[in-house]
PDB file of N, CA and C in Angstrom:
ATOM      1  N   MET A   1       4.870 -17.199  20.271  1.00  0.00           N
ATOM      2  CA  MET A   1       4.233 -16.131  19.503  1.00  0.00           C
ATOM      3  C   MET A   1       3.581 -15.247  20.597  1.00  0.00           C
ATOM      4  N   SER A   2       3.891 -14.011  20.296  1.00  0.00           N
ATOM      5  CA  SER A   2       3.287 -12.921  21.217  1.00  0.00           C
ATOM      6  C   SER A   2       2.073 -12.469  20.769  1.00  0.00           C
ATOM      7  N   GLU A   3       1.281 -12.198  21.639  1.00  0.00           N
ATOM      8  CA  GLU A   3      -0.157 -11.916  21.576  1.00  0.00           C
ATOM      9  C   GLU A   3      -0.257 -10.352  21.178  1.00  0.00           C
ATOM     10  N   LYS A   4      -1.108 -10.112  19.905  1.00  0.00           N
ATOM     11  CA  LYS A   4      -1.184  -8.536  19.639  1.00  0.00           C
ATOM     12  C   LYS A   4      -1.858  -7.808  20.893  1.00  0.00           C
ATOM     13  N   LYS A   5      -1.288  -6.597  20.882  1.00  0.00           N
ATOM     14  CA  LYS A   5      -1.844  -5.643  21.838  1.00  0.00           C
ATOM     15  C   LYS A   5      -3.453  -5.291  21.331  1.00  0.00           C
ATOM     16  N   GLN A   6      -4.130  -5.063  22.517  1.00  0.00           N
ATOM     17  CA  GLN A   6      -5.460  -4.650  22.102  1.00  0.00           C
ATOM     18  C   GLN A   6      -5.783  -3.229  22.438  1.00  0.00           C
ATOM     19  N   ALA A   7      -6.818  -2.637  21.584  1.00  0.00           N
ATOM     20  CA  ALA A   7      -7.285  -1.210  21.908  1.00  0.00           C
ATOM     21  C   ALA A   7      -8.863  -1.299  21.915  1.00  0.00           C
ATOM     22  N   ARG A   8      -9.309  -0.876  22.882  1.00  0.00           N
ATOM     23  CA  ARG A   8     -10.858  -0.903  23.072  1.00  0.00           C
ATOM     24  C   ARG A   8     -11.376   0.565  22.668  1.00  0.00           C
ATOM     25  N   LEU A   9     -12.438   0.527  21.865  1.00  0.00           N
ATOM     26  CA  LEU A   9     -13.005   1.785  21.528  1.00  0.00           C
ATOM     27  C   LEU A   9     -13.650   2.344  22.511  1.00  0.00           C
ATOM     28  N   VAL A  10     -13.465   3.599  23.135  1.00  0.00           N
ATOM     29  CA  VAL A  10     -14.040   4.296  24.097  1.00  0.00           C
ATOM     30  C   VAL A  10     -15.087   5.317  23.592  1.00  0.00           C
ATOM     31  N   GLU A  11     -14.827   5.914  22.594  1.00  0.00           N
ATOM     32  CA  GLU A  11     -15.944   7.090  22.182  1.00  0.00           C
ATOM     33  C   GLU A  11     -15.556   7.317  20.670  1.00  0.00           C
ATOM     34  N   ARG A  12     -16.739   7.424  19.931  1.00  0.00           N
ATOM     35  CA  ARG A  12     -16.563   7.988  18.604  1.00  0.00           C
ATOM     36  C   ARG A  12     -17.593   9.018  18.317  1.00  0.00           C
ATOM     37  N   GLY A  13     -17.217  10.004  17.455  1.00  0.00           N
ATOM     38  CA  GLY A  13     -18.417  11.056  17.342  1.00  0.00           C
ATOM     39  C   GLY A  13     -17.872  12.086  16.218  1.00  0.00           C
ATOM     40  N   ALA A  14     -18.557  12.873  15.817  1.00  0.00           N
ATOM     41  CA  ALA A  14     -18.380  13.801  14.780  1.00  0.00           C
ATOM     42  C   ALA A  14     -17.521  14.844  15.339  1.00  0.00           C
ATOM     43  N   ASN A  15     -16.435  15.325  14.501  1.00  0.00           N
ATOM     44  CA  ASN A  15     -15.644  16.527  14.982  1.00  0.00           C
ATOM     45  C   ASN A  15     -16.246  17.742  14.257  1.00  0.00           C
ATOM     46  N   GLY A  16     -15.479  18.861  14.561  1.00  0.00           N
ATOM     47  CA  GLY A  16     -15.752  19.999  13.971  1.00  0.00           C
ATOM     48  C   GLY A  16     -15.545  20.329  12.685  1.00  0.00           C
ATOM     49  N   ASN A  17     -14.925  19.434  11.907  1.00  0.00           N
ATOM     50  CA  ASN A  17     -14.419  19.921  10.482  1.00  0.00           C
ATOM     51  C   ASN A  17     -15.207  18.892   9.702  1.00  0.00           C
ATOM     52  N   GLY A  18     -16.214  18.168   9.996  1.00  0.00           N
ATOM     53  CA  GLY A  18     -17.121  17.329   8.982  1.00  0.00           C
ATOM     54  C   GLY A  18     -16.730  15.918   9.095  1.00  0.00           C
ATOM     55  N   GLY A  19     -15.621  15.498   9.908  1.00  0.00           N
ATOM     56  CA  GLY A  19     -15.033  14.159   9.867  1.00  0.00           C
ATOM     57  C   GLY A  19     -15.713  13.431  11.143  1.00  0.00           C
ATOM     58  N   THR A  20     -14.910  12.513  11.564  1.00  0.00           N
ATOM     59  CA  THR A  20     -14.873  11.509  12.640  1.00  0.00           C
ATOM     60  C   THR A  20     -13.745  11.673  13.475  1.00  0.00           C
ATOM     61  N   TYR A  21     -14.036  11.424  14.897  1.00  0.00           N
ATOM     62  CA  TYR A  21     -12.853  11.250  15.852  1.00  0.00           C
ATOM     63  C   TYR A  21     -13.266   9.815  16.601  1.00  0.00           C
ATOM     64  N   GLU A  22     -12.104   9.271  17.055  1.00  0.00           N
ATOM     65  CA  GLU A  22     -12.436   8.172  17.894  1.00  0.00           C
ATOM     66  C   GLU A  22     -11.273   8.303  19.021  1.00  0.00           C
ATOM     67  N   ILE A  23     -11.658   7.778  20.187  1.00  0.00           N
ATOM     68  CA  ILE A  23     -10.695   7.615  21.227  1.00  0.00           C
ATOM     69  C   ILE A  23     -10.593   5.982  21.731  1.00  0.00           C
ATOM     70  N   TRP A  24      -9.480   5.515  21.803  1.00  0.00           N
ATOM     71  CA  TRP A  24      -9.300   4.184  22.024  1.00  0.00           C
ATOM     72  C   TRP A  24      -8.417   3.935  23.067  1.00  0.00           C
ATOM     73  N   ASP A  25      -8.828   3.113  24.166  1.00  0.00           N
ATOM     74  CA  ASP A  25      -8.127   2.835  25.143  1.00  0.00           C
ATOM     75  C   ASP A  25      -7.042   1.628  24.846  1.00  0.00           C
ATOM     76  N   VAL A  26      -5.872   1.952  25.181  1.00  0.00           N
ATOM     77  CA  VAL A  26      -4.773   0.927  25.099  1.00  0.00           C
ATOM     78  C   VAL A  26      -4.272   0.313  26.326  1.00  0.00           C
ATOM     79  N   GLY A  27      -4.735   0.712  27.647  1.00  0.00           N
ATOM     80  CA  GLY A  27      -4.415   0.177  28.922  1.00  0.00           C
ATOM     81  C   GLY A  27      -3.516   1.029  29.557  1.00  0.00           C
ATOM     82  N   ASP A  28      -3.645   1.070  31.025  1.00  0.00           N
ATOM     83  CA  ASP A  28      -3.010   1.847  31.932  1.00  0.00           C
ATOM     84  C   ASP A  28      -3.292   3.267  31.777  1.00  0.00           C
ATOM     85  N   GLY A  29      -4.393   3.599  31.465  1.00  0.00           N
ATOM     86  CA  GLY A  29      -4.864   5.064  31.442  1.00  0.00           C
ATOM     87  C   GLY A  29      -4.349   5.819  30.063  1.00  0.00           C
ATOM     88  N   CYS A  30      -3.739   5.001  29.346  1.00  0.00           N
ATOM     89  CA  CYS A  30      -3.262   5.700  28.060  1.00  0.00           C
ATOM     90  C   CYS A  30      -4.142   5.240  26.897  1.00  0.00           C
ATOM     91  N   GLY A  31      -4.373   6.194  25.944  1.00  0.00           N
ATOM     92  CA  GLY A  31      -5.234   6.106  24.771  1.00  0.00           C
ATOM     93  C   GLY A  31      -4.752   6.439  23.542  1.00  0.00           C
ATOM     94  N   ILE A  32      -5.340   6.273  22.421  1.00  0.00           N
ATOM     95  CA  ILE A  32      -4.846   6.943  21.200  1.00  0.00           C
ATOM     96  C   ILE A  32      -6.126   7.607  20.470  1.00  0.00           C
ATOM     97  N   TYR A  33      -6.103   9.034  20.478  1.00  0.00           N
ATOM     98  CA  TYR A  33      -6.982   9.802  19.647  1.00  0.00           C
ATOM     99  C   TYR A  33      -6.721   9.833  18.087  1.00  0.00           C
ATOM    100  N   VAL A  34      -7.795   9.560  17.413  1.00  0.00           N
ATOM    101  CA  VAL A  34      -7.674   9.269  15.961  1.00  0.00           C
ATOM    102  C   VAL A  34      -8.694  10.287  15.385  1.00  0.00           C
ATOM    103  N   ASP A  35      -8.108  11.120  14.547  1.00  0.00           N
ATOM    104  CA  ASP A  35      -9.074  12.331  13.957  1.00  0.00           C
ATOM    105  C   ASP A  35      -9.005  12.260  12.455  1.00  0.00           C
ATOM    106  N   PHE A  36     -10.240  12.031  11.845  1.00  0.00           N
ATOM    107  CA  PHE A  36     -10.226  12.259  10.528  1.00  0.00           C
ATOM    108  C   PHE A  36     -10.864  13.516  10.097  1.00  0.00           C
ATOM    109  N   ASN A  37     -10.106  14.226   9.219  1.00  0.00           N
ATOM    110  CA  ASN A  37     -10.501  15.464   8.423  1.00  0.00           C
ATOM    111  C   ASN A  37     -10.692  15.269   7.031  1.00  0.00           C
ATOM    112  N   PRO A  38     -11.947  15.428   6.515  1.00  0.00           N
ATOM    113  CA  PRO A  38     -12.013  15.163   5.087  1.00  0.00           C
ATOM    114  C   PRO A  38     -11.479  16.094   4.138  1.00  0.00           C
ATOM    115  N   ARG A  39     -11.403  17.468   4.615  1.00  0.00           N
ATOM    116  CA  ARG A  39     -10.824  18.702   3.866  1.00  0.00           C
ATOM    117  C   ARG A  39      -9.712  19.370   4.840  1.00  0.00           C
ATOM    118  N   PRO A  40      -8.547  18.749   4.978  1.00  0.00           N
ATOM    119  CA  PRO A  40      -7.669  19.642   5.728  1.00  0.00           C
ATOM    120  C   PRO A  40      -7.130  20.864   5.072  1.00  0.00           C
ATOM    121  N   PHE A  41      -6.749  20.946   3.917  1.00  0.00           N
ATOM    122  CA  PHE A  41      -6.438  22.165   3.331  1.00  0.00           C
ATOM    123  C   PHE A  41      -6.680  21.807   1.743  1.00  0.00           C
ATOM    124  N   LEU A  42      -7.948  22.491   1.504  1.00  0.00           N
ATOM    125  CA  LEU A  42      -8.593  22.407   0.050  1.00  0.00           C
ATOM    126  C   LEU A  42      -7.366  22.702  -0.853  1.00  0.00           C
ATOM    127  N   PRO A  43      -7.393  22.083  -1.841  1.00  0.00           N
ATOM    128  CA  PRO A  43      -7.806  20.938  -2.426  1.00  0.00           C
ATOM    129  C   PRO A  43      -7.088  19.641  -1.989  1.00  0.00           C
ATOM    130  N   SER A  44      -6.382  19.596  -0.819  1.00  0.00           N
ATOM    131  CA  SER A  44      -5.702  18.436  -0.439  1.00  0.00           C
ATOM    132  C   SER A  44      -6.530  17.102  -0.210  1.00  0.00           C
ATOM    133  N   ASN A  45      -5.891  15.913   0.003  1.00  0.00           N
ATOM    134  CA  ASN A  45      -6.736  14.808   0.141  1.00  0.00           C
ATOM    135  C   ASN A  45      -7.059  14.641   1.560  1.00  0.00           C
ATOM    136  N   PRO A  46      -8.088  13.864   1.908  1.00  0.00           N
ATOM    137  CA  PRO A  46      -8.255  13.538   3.303  1.00  0.00           C
ATOM    138  C   PRO A  46      -7.421  13.131   3.972  1.00  0.00           C
ATOM    139  N   GLU A  47      -7.330  13.343   5.507  1.00  0.00           N
ATOM    140  CA  GLU A  47      -6.187  13.124   6.287  1.00  0.00           C
ATOM    141  C   GLU A  47      -6.618  12.607   7.726  1.00  0.00           C
ATOM    142  N   THR A  48      -6.050  11.463   8.130  1.00  0.00           N
ATOM    143  CA  THR A  48      -6.455  10.887   9.343  1.00  0.00           C
ATOM    144  C   THR A  48      -5.351  11.077  10.120  1.00  0.00           C
ATOM    145  N   MET A  49      -5.058  11.559  11.313  1.00  0.00           N
ATOM    146  CA  MET A  49      -3.959  11.759  12.357  1.00  0.00           C
ATOM    147  C   MET A  49      -4.444  10.986  13.667  1.00  0.00           C
ATOM    148  N   ALA A  50      -3.267  10.359  14.196  1.00  0.00           N
ATOM    149  CA  ALA A  50      -3.252   9.641  15.595  1.00  0.00           C
ATOM    150  C   ALA A  50      -2.381  10.324  16.506  1.00  0.00           C
ATOM    151  N   PHE A  51      -2.797  10.568  17.763  1.00  0.00           N
ATOM    152  CA  PHE A  51      -2.113  11.068  18.840  1.00  0.00           C
ATOM    153  C   PHE A  51      -2.246  10.462  20.225  1.00  0.00           C
ATOM    154  N   ASN A  52      -1.140  10.442  20.893  1.00  0.00           N
ATOM    155  CA  ASN A  52      -1.395   9.980  22.326  1.00  0.00           C
ATOM    156  C   ASN A  52      -2.349  10.721  23.356  1.00  0.00           C
ATOM    157  N   VAL A  53      -3.128  10.128  24.008  1.00  0.00           N
ATOM    158  CA  VAL A  53      -4.126  10.708  24.811  1.00  0.00           C
ATOM    159  C   VAL A  53      -4.042  10.207  26.143  1.00  0.00           C
ATOM    160  N   ASP A  54      -4.235  10.951  27.557  1.00  0.00           N
ATOM    161  CA  ASP A  54      -4.306  10.717  28.638  1.00  0.00           C
ATOM    162  C   ASP A  54      -5.822  10.311  29.084  1.00  0.00           C
ATOM    163  N   LEU A  55      -6.067   9.293  29.271  1.00  0.00           N
ATOM    164  CA  LEU A  55      -7.625   8.791  29.330  1.00  0.00           C
ATOM    165  C   LEU A  55      -8.151   9.509  30.758  1.00  0.00           C
ATOM    166  N   ARG A  56      -7.246   9.503  31.675  1.00  0.00           N
ATOM    167  CA  ARG A  56      -7.768   9.917  32.885  1.00  0.00           C
ATOM    168  C   ARG A  56      -7.961  11.584  32.963  1.00  0.00           C
ATOM    169  N   LYS A  57      -7.361  12.294  32.185  1.00  0.00           N
ATOM    170  CA  LYS A  57      -7.514  13.541  32.004  1.00  0.00           C
ATOM    171  C   LYS A  57      -8.299  13.986  30.684  1.00  0.00           C
ATOM    172  N   ARG A  58      -8.401  13.043  29.910  1.00  0.00           N
ATOM    173  CA  ARG A  58      -9.246  13.279  28.570  1.00  0.00           C
ATOM    174  C   ARG A  58      -8.490  14.355  27.774  1.00  0.00           C
ATOM    175  N   LYS A  59      -7.164  14.158  27.706  1.00  0.00           N
ATOM    176  CA  LYS A  59      -6.393  15.163  27.034  1.00  0.00           C
ATOM    177  C   LYS A  59      -5.253  14.704  26.070  1.00  0.00           C
ATOM    178  N   VAL A  60      -5.140  15.248  25.125  1.00  0.00           N
ATOM    179  CA  VAL A  60      -3.731  14.703  24.290  1.00  0.00           C
ATOM    180  C   VAL A  60      -2.642  14.966  25.063  1.00  0.00           C
ATOM    181  N   THR A  61      -1.599  14.214  25.056  1.00  0.00           N
ATOM    182  CA  THR A  61      -0.508  14.527  25.713  1.00  0.00           C
ATOM    183  C   THR A  61       0.650  14.981  24.747  1.00  0.00           C
ATOM    184  N   SER A  62       0.498  14.747  23.699  1.00  0.00           N
ATOM    185  CA  SER A  62       1.458  15.164  22.812  1.00  0.00           C
ATOM    186  C   SER A  62       0.876  15.099  21.341  1.00  0.00           C
ATOM    187  N   TRP A  63       1.153  16.466  20.654  1.00  0.00           N
ATOM    188  CA  TRP A  63       0.702  16.640  19.438  1.00  0.00           C
ATOM    189  C   TRP A  63       1.639  16.193  18.305  1.00  0.00           C
ATOM    190  N   ASP A  64       2.630  15.425  18.578  1.00  0.00           N
ATOM    191  CA  ASP A  64       3.525  14.755  17.671  1.00  0.00           C
ATOM    192  C   ASP A  64       2.661  13.327  17.271  1.00  0.00           C
ATOM    193  N   GLU A  65       2.378  13.363  16.008  1.00  0.00           N
ATOM    194  CA  GLU A  65       1.656  12.395  15.262  1.00  0.00           C
ATOM    195  C   GLU A  65       2.277  10.942  15.346  1.00  0.00           C
ATOM    196  N   LEU A  66       1.526  10.085  15.912  1.00  0.00           N
ATOM    197  CA  LEU A  66       1.774   8.511  15.900  1.00  0.00           C
ATOM    198  C   LEU A  66       1.642   8.041  14.467  1.00  0.00           C
ATOM    199  N   GLY A  67       0.750   8.712  13.694  1.00  0.00           N
ATOM    200  CA  GLY A  67       0.689   8.079  12.162  1.00  0.00           C
ATOM    201  C   GLY A  67      -0.121   8.900  11.571  1.00  0.00           C
ATOM    202  N   VAL A  68       0.014   9.116  10.188  1.00  0.00           N
ATOM    203  CA  VAL A  68      -0.867  10.014   9.326  1.00  0.00           C
ATOM    204  C   VAL A  68      -1.193   9.142   8.099  1.00  0.00           C
ATOM    205  N   TRP A  69      -2.567   8.996   7.780  1.00  0.00           N
ATOM    206  CA  TRP A  69      -2.953   8.511   6.745  1.00  0.00           C
ATOM    207  C   TRP A  69      -3.883   9.433   5.611  1.00  0.00           C
ATOM    208  N   TYR A  70      -3.573   9.364   4.446  1.00  0.00           N
ATOM    209  CA  TYR A  70      -4.156  10.488   3.447  1.00  0.00           C
ATOM    210  C   TYR A  70      -5.451   9.620   2.939  1.00  0.00           C
ATOM    211  N   GLU A  71      -6.288   9.273   3.747  1.00  0.00           N
ATOM    212  CA  GLU A  71      -7.606   8.830   3.669  1.00  0.00           C
ATOM    213  C   GLU A  71      -8.235   8.560   5.088  1.00  0.00           C
ATOM    214  N   ASP A  72      -9.708   8.191   4.929  1.00  0.00           N
ATOM    215  CA  ASP A  72     -10.293   7.890   6.246  1.00  0.00           C
ATOM    216  C   ASP A  72      -9.654   6.545   7.046  1.00  0.00           C
ATOM    217  N   ALA A  73      -9.017   6.745   8.072  1.00  0.00           N
ATOM    218  CA  ALA A  73      -8.561   5.593   8.717  1.00  0.00           C
ATOM    219  C   ALA A  73      -9.106   5.297  10.001  1.00  0.00           C
ATOM    220  N   THR A  74     -10.311   5.891  10.071  1.00  0.00           N
ATOM    221  CA  THR A  74     -11.053   5.516  11.340  1.00  0.00           C
ATOM    222  C   THR A  74     -11.757   4.131  11.208  1.00  0.00           C
ATOM    223  N   GLY A  75     -12.527   3.600  12.195  1.00  0.00           N
ATOM    224  CA  GLY A  75     -13.154   2.334  12.240  1.00  0.00           C
ATOM    225  C   GLY A  75     -12.206   1.273  12.434  1.00  0.00           C
ATOM    226  N   GLY A  76     -11.080   1.612  12.893  1.00  0.00           N
ATOM    227  CA  GLY A  76      -9.977   0.349  13.283  1.00  0.00           C
ATOM    228  C   GLY A  76      -8.805   0.477  12.455  1.00  0.00           C
ATOM    229  N   LYS A  77      -8.903   1.050  11.249  1.00  0.00           N
ATOM    230  CA  LYS A  77      -7.835   0.984  10.409  1.00  0.00           C
ATOM    231  C   LYS A  77      -6.317   1.521  10.969  1.00  0.00           C
ATOM    232  N   ALA A  78      -6.494   2.720  11.633  1.00  0.00           N
ATOM    233  CA  ALA A  78      -5.307   3.359  11.973  1.00  0.00           C
ATOM    234  C   ALA A  78      -4.788   2.453  13.211  1.00  0.00           C
ATOM    235  N   ILE A  79      -5.780   1.945  14.110  1.00  0.00           N
ATOM    236  CA  ILE A  79      -5.387   1.223  15.245  1.00  0.00           C
ATOM    237  C   ILE A  79      -4.712   0.010  14.609  1.00  0.00           C
ATOM    238  N   ARG A  80      -5.323  -0.529  13.919  1.00  0.00           N
ATOM    239  CA  ARG A  80      -4.532  -1.840  13.314  1.00  0.00           C
ATOM    240  C   ARG A  80      -3.248  -1.452  12.861  1.00  0.00           C
ATOM    241  N   GLU A  81      -3.105  -0.524  11.966  1.00  0.00           N
ATOM    242  CA  GLU A  81      -1.839  -0.108  11.358  1.00  0.00           C
ATOM    243  C   GLU A  81      -0.680   0.383  12.601  1.00  0.00           C
ATOM    244  N   LEU A  82      -1.203   0.629  13.780  1.00  0.00           N
ATOM    245  CA  LEU A  82      -0.249   1.182  14.788  1.00  0.00           C
ATOM    246  C   LEU A  82       0.035  -0.183  15.602  1.00  0.00           C
ATOM    247  N   GLY A  83      -0.429  -1.281  15.310  1.00  0.00           N
ATOM    248  CA  GLY A  83      -0.148  -2.515  15.856  1.00  0.00           C
ATOM    249  C   GLY A  83      -1.100  -3.062  16.891  1.00  0.00           C
ATOM    250  N   TYR A  84      -2.372  -2.587  16.899  1.00  0.00           N
ATOM    251  CA  TYR A  84      -3.208  -3.000  17.755  1.00  0.00           C
ATOM    252  C   TYR A  84      -4.471  -3.546  17.366  1.00  0.00           C
ATOM    253  N   GLU A  85      -5.003  -4.672  18.053  1.00  0.00           N
ATOM    254  CA  GLU A  85      -6.195  -5.188  17.537  1.00  0.00           C
ATOM    255  C   GLU A  85      -7.178  -4.529  18.118  1.00  0.00           C
ATOM    256  N   PRO A  86      -8.182  -3.872  17.230  1.00  0.00           N
ATOM    257  CA  PRO A  86      -9.344  -3.046  17.520  1.00  0.00           C
ATOM    258  C   PRO A  86     -10.553  -3.929  18.140  1.00  0.00           C
ATOM    259  N   ILE A  87     -11.080  -3.352  19.290  1.00  0.00           N
ATOM    260  CA  ILE A  87     -12.123  -4.094  19.903  1.00  0.00           C
ATOM    261  C   ILE A  87     -13.193  -3.051  20.055  1.00  0.00           C
ATOM    262  N   GLU A  88     -14.210  -3.353  19.323  1.00  0.00           N
ATOM    263  CA  GLU A  88     -15.516  -2.478  19.592  1.00  0.00           C
ATOM    264  C   GLU A  88     -16.679  -3.223  20.255  1.00  0.00           C
ATOM    265  N   ASP A  89     -17.181  -2.693  21.468  1.00  0.00           N
ATOM    266  CA  ASP A  89     -18.154  -3.558  22.038  1.00  0.00           C
ATOM    267  C   ASP A  89     -19.469  -3.157  21.305  1.00  0.00           C
ATOM    268  N   GLU A  90     -20.326  -4.180  21.230  1.00  0.00           N
ATOM    269  CA  GLU A  90     -21.558  -3.895  20.834  1.00  0.00           C
ATOM    270  C   GLU A  90     -22.541  -3.274  21.751  1.00  0.00           C
ATOM    271  N   ARG A  91     -23.142  -2.026  21.235  1.00  0.00           N
ATOM    272  CA  ARG A  91     -23.796  -1.094  22.265  1.00  0.00           C
ATOM    273  C   ARG A  91     -25.166  -0.986  21.659  1.00  0.00           C
TER     274      ARG A  91
END
């Protein structure tokens, strides 16, 4: 049985559109940037998108979506659906 890949939460905060963003470390300097927009194009549904990010440069490496959810998929939901076990350290 293969062990599920882990993603560790590095940062979570408010974004400029009234939603939440998260940055997850998936190893080897790579990460996933998850961005929730509660009002992408009114009257559209809320939208969460995930992108690859270079953690060393703190920069998205491609704006091609890894996944899109028409709901708030922060808090580990997007990460789980991308095949990772979310790890959030107690701070």
